Amino acid sequence: MALKEFGDYVQLYHDTDKAPSAQFWIGQIFFEQRDFPNAIKAFDQVLEQYSPNNKTPEAMLKKGQALVLMDKRNDGATEFRQVLVKFPRSDSAPKACSELKALGLSCNTGVASKKKRG
């Protein structure tokens, strides 16, 4: 029932400030139902149609989690790294780092730091 209500909201009020949140919750419902392909599609809509918004980092994180659960570890890791690169101060960043560590990867985003030579 909630899925229908959120879908109706997005369809009727797609240009409001609450639309990204409604679209995110559509993805979350699919995620909880373990319908990962539809969850990914819904999270992609948050990222593509409403980006950037307050749900962008969380949508990226949840998309990454769905990809990992579909045995697409590399794609999931890419999403987690993007959270760290694009939204390092978000609430989703520490979670993305934890997800990377759970995959046996570091949280290093690949940004090289300069070292002093001496």
Foldseek 3Di string as FASTA:
>chain_A
DLLVVLVVCCVVPVPDLCNLVSLLVNLVVCVVVLVLVVSLVSLVCSCPVPPPHPCVLVSLQSNLVSCVVVVNNVSSLVSLLCSCVVPVPDPNNVVSQVSQVVVVHGNDSPDDDDDDDD
